[in-house]
N, C-alpha and C. Protein backbone atom coordinates (compact mmCIF):
# COMPACT_ATOMS: atom_id res chain seq x y z
N MET A 1 7.16 -59.01 22.72
CA MET A 1 8.18 -58.18 23.41
C MET A 1 9.34 -57.98 22.54
N ASP A 2 9.94 -56.83 22.64
CA ASP A 2 11.15 -56.42 21.83
C ASP A 2 12.31 -57.31 22.38
N THR A 3 13.19 -57.74 21.49
CA THR A 3 14.34 -58.51 21.88
C THR A 3 15.32 -57.64 22.74
N SER A 4 15.43 -56.46 22.57
CA SER A 4 16.40 -55.64 23.34
C SER A 4 15.78 -55.51 24.76
N LEU A 5 14.61 -55.45 24.92
CA LEU A 5 13.96 -55.41 26.24
C LEU A 5 14.13 -56.82 27.00
N LEU A 6 14.12 -57.83 26.23
CA LEU A 6 14.21 -59.25 26.69
C LEU A 6 15.68 -59.34 27.12
N PHE A 7 16.68 -58.81 26.34
CA PHE A 7 18.10 -58.99 26.76
C PHE A 7 18.28 -58.05 27.83
N ILE A 8 17.74 -56.95 28.13
CA ILE A 8 17.96 -56.14 29.27
C ILE A 8 17.44 -56.86 30.53
N TRP A 9 16.23 -57.55 30.48
CA TRP A 9 15.72 -58.24 31.64
C TRP A 9 16.59 -59.46 31.91
N LEU A 10 17.23 -59.99 30.92
CA LEU A 10 18.09 -61.18 31.15
C LEU A 10 19.34 -60.71 31.98
N LEU A 11 19.87 -59.57 31.61
CA LEU A 11 20.99 -58.85 32.37
C LEU A 11 20.57 -58.56 33.69
N VAL A 12 19.38 -58.12 33.96
CA VAL A 12 18.87 -57.74 35.26
C VAL A 12 18.80 -58.96 36.09
N ILE A 13 18.36 -60.06 35.59
CA ILE A 13 18.29 -61.33 36.28
C ILE A 13 19.65 -61.84 36.73
N PHE A 14 20.63 -61.70 35.84
CA PHE A 14 22.03 -62.08 36.16
C PHE A 14 22.50 -61.09 37.27
N GLY A 15 22.14 -59.82 37.10
CA GLY A 15 22.49 -58.86 38.13
C GLY A 15 21.92 -59.25 39.53
N PHE A 16 20.74 -59.80 39.58
CA PHE A 16 20.14 -60.19 40.80
C PHE A 16 20.89 -61.31 41.46
N HIS A 17 21.42 -62.20 40.64
CA HIS A 17 22.27 -63.36 41.11
C HIS A 17 23.66 -62.80 41.75
N PHE A 18 24.26 -61.83 41.07
CA PHE A 18 25.42 -61.23 41.60
C PHE A 18 25.12 -60.45 42.80
N PHE A 19 23.96 -59.78 42.92
CA PHE A 19 23.62 -58.99 44.10
C PHE A 19 23.38 -59.84 45.31
N ARG A 20 22.83 -61.10 45.06
CA ARG A 20 22.63 -62.04 46.14
C ARG A 20 23.97 -62.54 46.67
N MET A 21 24.84 -62.83 45.62
CA MET A 21 26.22 -63.36 46.00
C MET A 21 26.87 -62.30 46.87
N PHE A 22 26.78 -60.97 46.59
CA PHE A 22 27.42 -59.89 47.33
C PHE A 22 26.70 -59.79 48.72
N LEU A 23 25.46 -59.93 48.78
CA LEU A 23 24.78 -59.78 50.11
C LEU A 23 25.31 -61.09 50.98
N LYS A 24 25.41 -62.22 50.46
CA LYS A 24 25.83 -63.30 51.18
C LYS A 24 27.14 -63.11 51.76
N LYS A 25 28.13 -62.58 50.92
CA LYS A 25 29.42 -62.24 51.23
C LYS A 25 29.51 -61.29 52.35
N ARG A 26 28.79 -60.13 52.18
CA ARG A 26 28.72 -59.07 53.05
C ARG A 26 28.14 -59.40 54.48
N PHE A 27 27.22 -60.22 54.44
CA PHE A 27 26.61 -60.68 55.88
C PHE A 27 27.29 -61.87 56.37
N GLY A 28 28.21 -62.52 55.69
CA GLY A 28 28.96 -63.71 56.10
C GLY A 28 28.13 -64.99 56.17
N ILE A 29 27.23 -65.09 55.17
CA ILE A 29 26.36 -66.36 55.06
C ILE A 29 27.24 -67.50 54.63
N ASP A 30 28.05 -67.34 53.84
CA ASP A 30 28.99 -68.43 53.40
C ASP A 30 29.62 -69.04 54.53
N LYS A 31 30.19 -68.28 55.48
CA LYS A 31 30.87 -68.77 56.58
C LYS A 31 29.88 -69.60 57.52
N GLU A 32 28.65 -69.21 57.52
CA GLU A 32 27.62 -69.97 58.31
C GLU A 32 27.32 -71.30 57.62
N ALA A 33 27.40 -71.38 56.29
CA ALA A 33 27.11 -72.63 55.58
C ALA A 33 28.23 -73.62 55.86
N GLN A 34 29.35 -73.11 56.04
CA GLN A 34 30.49 -73.95 56.35
C GLN A 34 30.61 -74.33 57.76
N ALA A 35 29.86 -73.63 58.66
CA ALA A 35 29.79 -74.03 60.10
C ALA A 35 28.73 -74.96 60.36
N GLY A 36 27.96 -75.43 59.36
CA GLY A 36 26.88 -76.39 59.58
C GLY A 36 25.50 -75.87 59.71
N VAL A 37 25.31 -74.62 59.57
CA VAL A 37 23.89 -74.02 59.71
C VAL A 37 23.17 -74.33 58.41
N PRO A 38 21.97 -74.94 58.40
CA PRO A 38 21.40 -75.28 57.09
C PRO A 38 20.67 -74.04 56.55
N VAL A 39 21.34 -73.07 55.98
CA VAL A 39 20.82 -71.97 55.44
C VAL A 39 20.21 -72.12 54.11
N ASN A 40 20.53 -73.22 53.38
CA ASN A 40 20.07 -73.42 52.04
C ASN A 40 18.77 -74.20 51.93
N LYS A 41 18.32 -74.90 53.16
CA LYS A 41 17.27 -75.65 53.06
C LYS A 41 15.89 -75.03 52.85
N PHE A 42 15.75 -73.91 53.49
CA PHE A 42 14.52 -73.10 53.14
C PHE A 42 14.50 -72.52 51.85
N GLU A 43 15.68 -72.17 51.26
CA GLU A 43 15.78 -71.72 49.88
C GLU A 43 15.24 -72.67 48.80
N ARG A 44 15.74 -73.92 49.06
CA ARG A 44 15.49 -75.00 48.13
C ARG A 44 13.95 -75.19 48.04
N TRP A 45 13.32 -75.46 49.22
CA TRP A 45 11.87 -75.71 49.35
C TRP A 45 11.11 -74.62 48.73
N ASN A 46 11.45 -73.33 49.12
CA ASN A 46 10.71 -72.19 48.60
C ASN A 46 10.69 -71.99 47.12
N GLY A 47 12.04 -72.29 46.65
CA GLY A 47 12.29 -72.28 45.18
C GLY A 47 11.45 -73.28 44.38
N TRP A 48 11.41 -74.57 44.93
CA TRP A 48 10.66 -75.59 44.20
C TRP A 48 9.19 -75.26 44.28
N LEU A 49 8.67 -74.90 45.47
CA LEU A 49 7.26 -74.56 45.59
C LEU A 49 6.85 -73.40 44.70
N THR A 50 7.70 -72.38 44.63
CA THR A 50 7.39 -71.19 43.85
C THR A 50 7.28 -71.66 42.31
N VAL A 51 8.29 -72.35 41.97
CA VAL A 51 8.27 -72.79 40.51
C VAL A 51 6.98 -73.69 40.12
N ALA A 52 6.71 -74.53 41.02
CA ALA A 52 5.50 -75.39 40.84
C ALA A 52 4.20 -74.54 40.76
N ALA A 53 4.07 -73.54 41.60
CA ALA A 53 2.95 -72.64 41.74
C ALA A 53 2.83 -71.75 40.46
N ILE A 54 4.07 -71.32 40.03
CA ILE A 54 3.97 -70.55 38.79
C ILE A 54 3.51 -71.29 37.58
N ILE A 55 4.15 -72.52 37.48
CA ILE A 55 3.66 -73.50 36.38
C ILE A 55 2.20 -73.69 36.37
N ALA A 56 1.64 -73.99 37.48
CA ALA A 56 0.21 -74.26 37.64
C ALA A 56 -0.48 -73.05 37.40
N LEU A 57 -0.07 -71.91 37.78
CA LEU A 57 -0.70 -70.62 37.44
C LEU A 57 -0.78 -70.36 35.93
N ALA A 58 0.43 -70.65 35.27
CA ALA A 58 0.45 -70.40 33.90
C ALA A 58 -0.53 -71.31 33.09
N ILE A 59 -0.78 -72.42 33.55
CA ILE A 59 -1.67 -73.48 32.96
C ILE A 59 -3.09 -72.93 33.13
N VAL A 60 -3.38 -72.60 34.32
CA VAL A 60 -4.83 -72.23 34.85
C VAL A 60 -5.15 -70.89 34.15
N ILE A 61 -4.33 -69.91 34.40
CA ILE A 61 -4.73 -68.43 33.85
C ILE A 61 -4.01 -68.29 32.54
N GLN A 62 -4.67 -68.30 31.41
CA GLN A 62 -4.13 -68.26 30.09
C GLN A 62 -4.56 -66.98 29.28
N GLY A 63 -5.76 -66.50 29.69
CA GLY A 63 -6.36 -65.40 28.91
C GLY A 63 -5.96 -64.03 29.47
N SER A 64 -5.70 -63.76 30.68
CA SER A 64 -5.61 -62.46 31.15
C SER A 64 -4.20 -62.16 31.73
N LEU A 65 -3.53 -61.30 31.22
CA LEU A 65 -2.14 -60.95 31.71
C LEU A 65 -2.30 -60.28 33.01
N GLU A 66 -3.27 -59.45 33.34
CA GLU A 66 -3.39 -58.81 34.56
C GLU A 66 -3.57 -59.71 35.73
N LYS A 67 -4.52 -60.81 35.55
CA LYS A 67 -4.75 -61.75 36.53
C LYS A 67 -3.43 -62.56 36.74
N PHE A 68 -2.70 -62.93 35.62
CA PHE A 68 -1.52 -63.64 35.84
C PHE A 68 -0.49 -62.86 36.69
N ALA A 69 -0.28 -61.67 36.18
CA ALA A 69 0.68 -60.78 36.95
C ALA A 69 0.36 -60.56 38.52
N PHE A 70 -0.92 -60.38 38.69
CA PHE A 70 -1.35 -60.31 40.15
C PHE A 70 -1.07 -61.52 40.93
N TRP A 71 -1.41 -62.67 40.35
CA TRP A 71 -1.16 -63.97 41.21
C TRP A 71 0.33 -64.29 41.14
N LEU A 72 1.06 -63.96 40.10
CA LEU A 72 2.51 -64.12 40.03
C LEU A 72 3.12 -63.34 41.39
N PHE A 73 2.67 -62.07 41.40
CA PHE A 73 3.25 -61.20 42.54
C PHE A 73 2.84 -61.83 43.88
N LEU A 74 1.57 -62.21 43.96
CA LEU A 74 1.11 -62.72 45.31
C LEU A 74 1.86 -63.96 45.63
N ILE A 75 2.11 -64.86 44.59
CA ILE A 75 2.83 -66.06 45.05
C ILE A 75 4.31 -65.74 45.40
N PHE A 76 4.83 -64.80 44.73
CA PHE A 76 6.34 -64.34 45.01
C PHE A 76 6.19 -63.73 46.42
N PHE A 77 5.24 -62.98 46.62
CA PHE A 77 5.24 -62.22 48.05
C PHE A 77 4.93 -63.20 49.18
N MET A 78 4.03 -64.20 49.05
CA MET A 78 3.85 -65.20 50.07
C MET A 78 4.93 -66.07 50.24
N GLY A 79 5.62 -66.46 49.28
CA GLY A 79 6.82 -67.37 49.37
C GLY A 79 7.94 -66.62 50.05
N SER A 80 8.05 -65.39 49.63
CA SER A 80 9.24 -64.64 50.33
C SER A 80 8.90 -64.34 51.74
N VAL A 81 7.65 -63.96 52.13
CA VAL A 81 7.34 -63.77 53.55
C VAL A 81 7.54 -65.04 54.38
N ALA A 82 7.20 -66.20 53.81
CA ALA A 82 7.23 -67.49 54.53
C ALA A 82 8.72 -67.81 54.71
N GLN A 83 9.54 -67.58 53.76
CA GLN A 83 10.97 -67.89 53.83
C GLN A 83 11.64 -67.09 54.80
N ILE A 84 11.35 -65.71 54.80
CA ILE A 84 12.03 -64.79 55.68
C ILE A 84 11.60 -65.13 57.08
N TYR A 85 10.29 -65.45 57.38
CA TYR A 85 9.84 -65.72 58.73
C TYR A 85 10.59 -67.04 59.24
N LEU A 86 10.57 -68.03 58.39
CA LEU A 86 11.17 -69.36 58.72
C LEU A 86 12.60 -69.21 59.15
N GLU A 87 13.30 -68.41 58.31
CA GLU A 87 14.79 -68.17 58.55
C GLU A 87 14.83 -67.36 59.88
N TRP A 88 14.05 -66.40 60.10
CA TRP A 88 14.13 -65.61 61.37
C TRP A 88 13.89 -66.44 62.54
N LYS A 89 12.75 -67.26 62.40
CA LYS A 89 12.49 -68.15 63.57
C LYS A 89 13.35 -69.24 63.96
N TYR A 90 13.81 -70.03 62.90
CA TYR A 90 14.52 -71.20 63.11
C TYR A 90 16.08 -71.24 63.06
N LEU A 91 16.53 -70.15 62.31
CA LEU A 91 17.91 -70.09 62.15
C LEU A 91 18.43 -69.02 63.17
N LYS A 92 18.44 -69.39 64.42
CA LYS A 92 18.80 -68.44 65.53
C LYS A 92 20.36 -68.17 65.40
N GLY A 93 20.75 -66.93 65.52
CA GLY A 93 22.05 -66.62 65.46
C GLY A 93 22.54 -66.38 64.04
N SER A 94 21.68 -66.60 63.01
CA SER A 94 22.01 -66.39 61.58
C SER A 94 21.41 -64.89 61.12
N ARG A 95 22.11 -64.43 60.27
CA ARG A 95 21.53 -63.11 59.63
C ARG A 95 21.06 -63.41 58.27
N LYS A 96 20.71 -64.59 57.99
CA LYS A 96 20.26 -65.02 56.69
C LYS A 96 18.95 -64.22 56.35
N TYR A 97 18.14 -64.17 57.28
CA TYR A 97 16.79 -63.38 57.01
C TYR A 97 16.96 -62.04 56.57
N GLN A 98 18.09 -61.29 57.08
CA GLN A 98 18.42 -59.96 56.61
C GLN A 98 18.77 -59.87 55.19
N VAL A 99 19.48 -60.84 54.82
CA VAL A 99 19.80 -60.91 53.34
C VAL A 99 18.61 -61.22 52.56
N SER A 100 17.68 -62.17 52.96
CA SER A 100 16.52 -62.49 52.24
C SER A 100 15.57 -61.32 52.20
N LEU A 101 15.48 -60.48 53.24
CA LEU A 101 14.69 -59.33 53.25
C LEU A 101 15.09 -58.29 52.29
N LEU A 102 16.43 -57.94 52.28
CA LEU A 102 16.92 -57.04 51.31
C LEU A 102 16.75 -57.49 49.94
N TYR A 103 17.15 -58.76 49.63
CA TYR A 103 17.10 -59.38 48.30
C TYR A 103 15.64 -59.38 47.82
N PHE A 104 14.64 -59.86 48.53
CA PHE A 104 13.31 -59.97 48.09
C PHE A 104 12.64 -58.56 47.97
N SER A 105 13.09 -57.52 48.76
CA SER A 105 12.58 -56.32 48.54
C SER A 105 12.91 -55.74 47.11
N VAL A 106 14.23 -55.91 46.85
CA VAL A 106 14.69 -55.39 45.56
C VAL A 106 14.06 -56.11 44.34
N VAL A 107 13.93 -57.44 44.63
CA VAL A 107 13.36 -58.25 43.44
C VAL A 107 11.83 -57.84 43.31
N ALA A 108 11.09 -57.65 44.38
CA ALA A 108 9.67 -57.21 44.27
C ALA A 108 9.49 -55.89 43.49
N VAL A 109 10.41 -54.89 43.78
CA VAL A 109 10.35 -53.68 43.05
C VAL A 109 10.69 -53.88 41.67
N ALA A 110 11.61 -54.83 41.32
CA ALA A 110 11.82 -55.12 39.88
C ALA A 110 10.78 -55.83 39.22
N LEU A 111 10.10 -56.66 39.93
CA LEU A 111 8.91 -57.50 39.42
C LEU A 111 7.80 -56.52 39.10
N VAL A 112 7.56 -55.59 39.93
CA VAL A 112 6.40 -54.67 39.76
C VAL A 112 6.86 -53.80 38.37
N ALA A 113 8.00 -53.44 38.32
CA ALA A 113 8.41 -52.61 37.17
C ALA A 113 8.39 -53.49 35.85
N PHE A 114 8.81 -54.76 36.00
CA PHE A 114 8.63 -55.66 34.82
C PHE A 114 7.20 -55.82 34.40
N ILE A 115 6.27 -56.01 35.36
CA ILE A 115 4.91 -56.20 35.07
C ILE A 115 4.37 -54.87 34.37
N LYS A 116 4.72 -53.76 34.85
CA LYS A 116 4.19 -52.50 34.27
C LYS A 116 4.79 -52.21 32.92
N VAL A 117 6.06 -52.65 32.71
CA VAL A 117 6.62 -52.58 31.34
C VAL A 117 5.96 -53.50 30.41
N VAL A 118 5.68 -54.72 30.76
CA VAL A 118 5.08 -55.71 29.84
C VAL A 118 3.58 -55.27 29.65
N SER A 119 2.88 -54.82 30.69
CA SER A 119 1.54 -54.22 30.47
C SER A 119 1.41 -53.27 29.53
N SER A 120 2.35 -52.22 29.64
CA SER A 120 2.34 -51.14 28.69
C SER A 120 2.67 -51.64 27.23
N GLN A 121 3.60 -52.59 27.02
CA GLN A 121 3.91 -53.08 25.76
C GLN A 121 2.66 -53.88 25.14
N VAL A 122 1.99 -54.53 25.84
CA VAL A 122 0.81 -55.33 25.37
C VAL A 122 -0.35 -54.40 25.09
N SER A 123 -0.54 -53.42 25.90
CA SER A 123 -1.73 -52.54 25.68
C SER A 123 -1.67 -51.75 24.42
């Protein structure tokens, strides 16, 4: 992969972080965290499980980029749906699930774009 493309995707990743910070501020999630609502609990568990699944996936699927991309997107999608559902169900009175829904929708579109760019570079 070209180094300029890698640099652009690194900037996009940092952009996602700032986008998430903006959404949390816009929806008032930081105020909820100060009020004692455990909004970060679901994020931590989902993050660690997703990282573990991606590492296992990278070990198991080494030959096919298409299979890896498919399973990567599937793991991301399942983890996101589970997190959004649990936030909606158990964090009553919180708007955390709305932030997660917006954030994960944008990240899913970017992930699909990244997979398409990488597959076109490899082909």
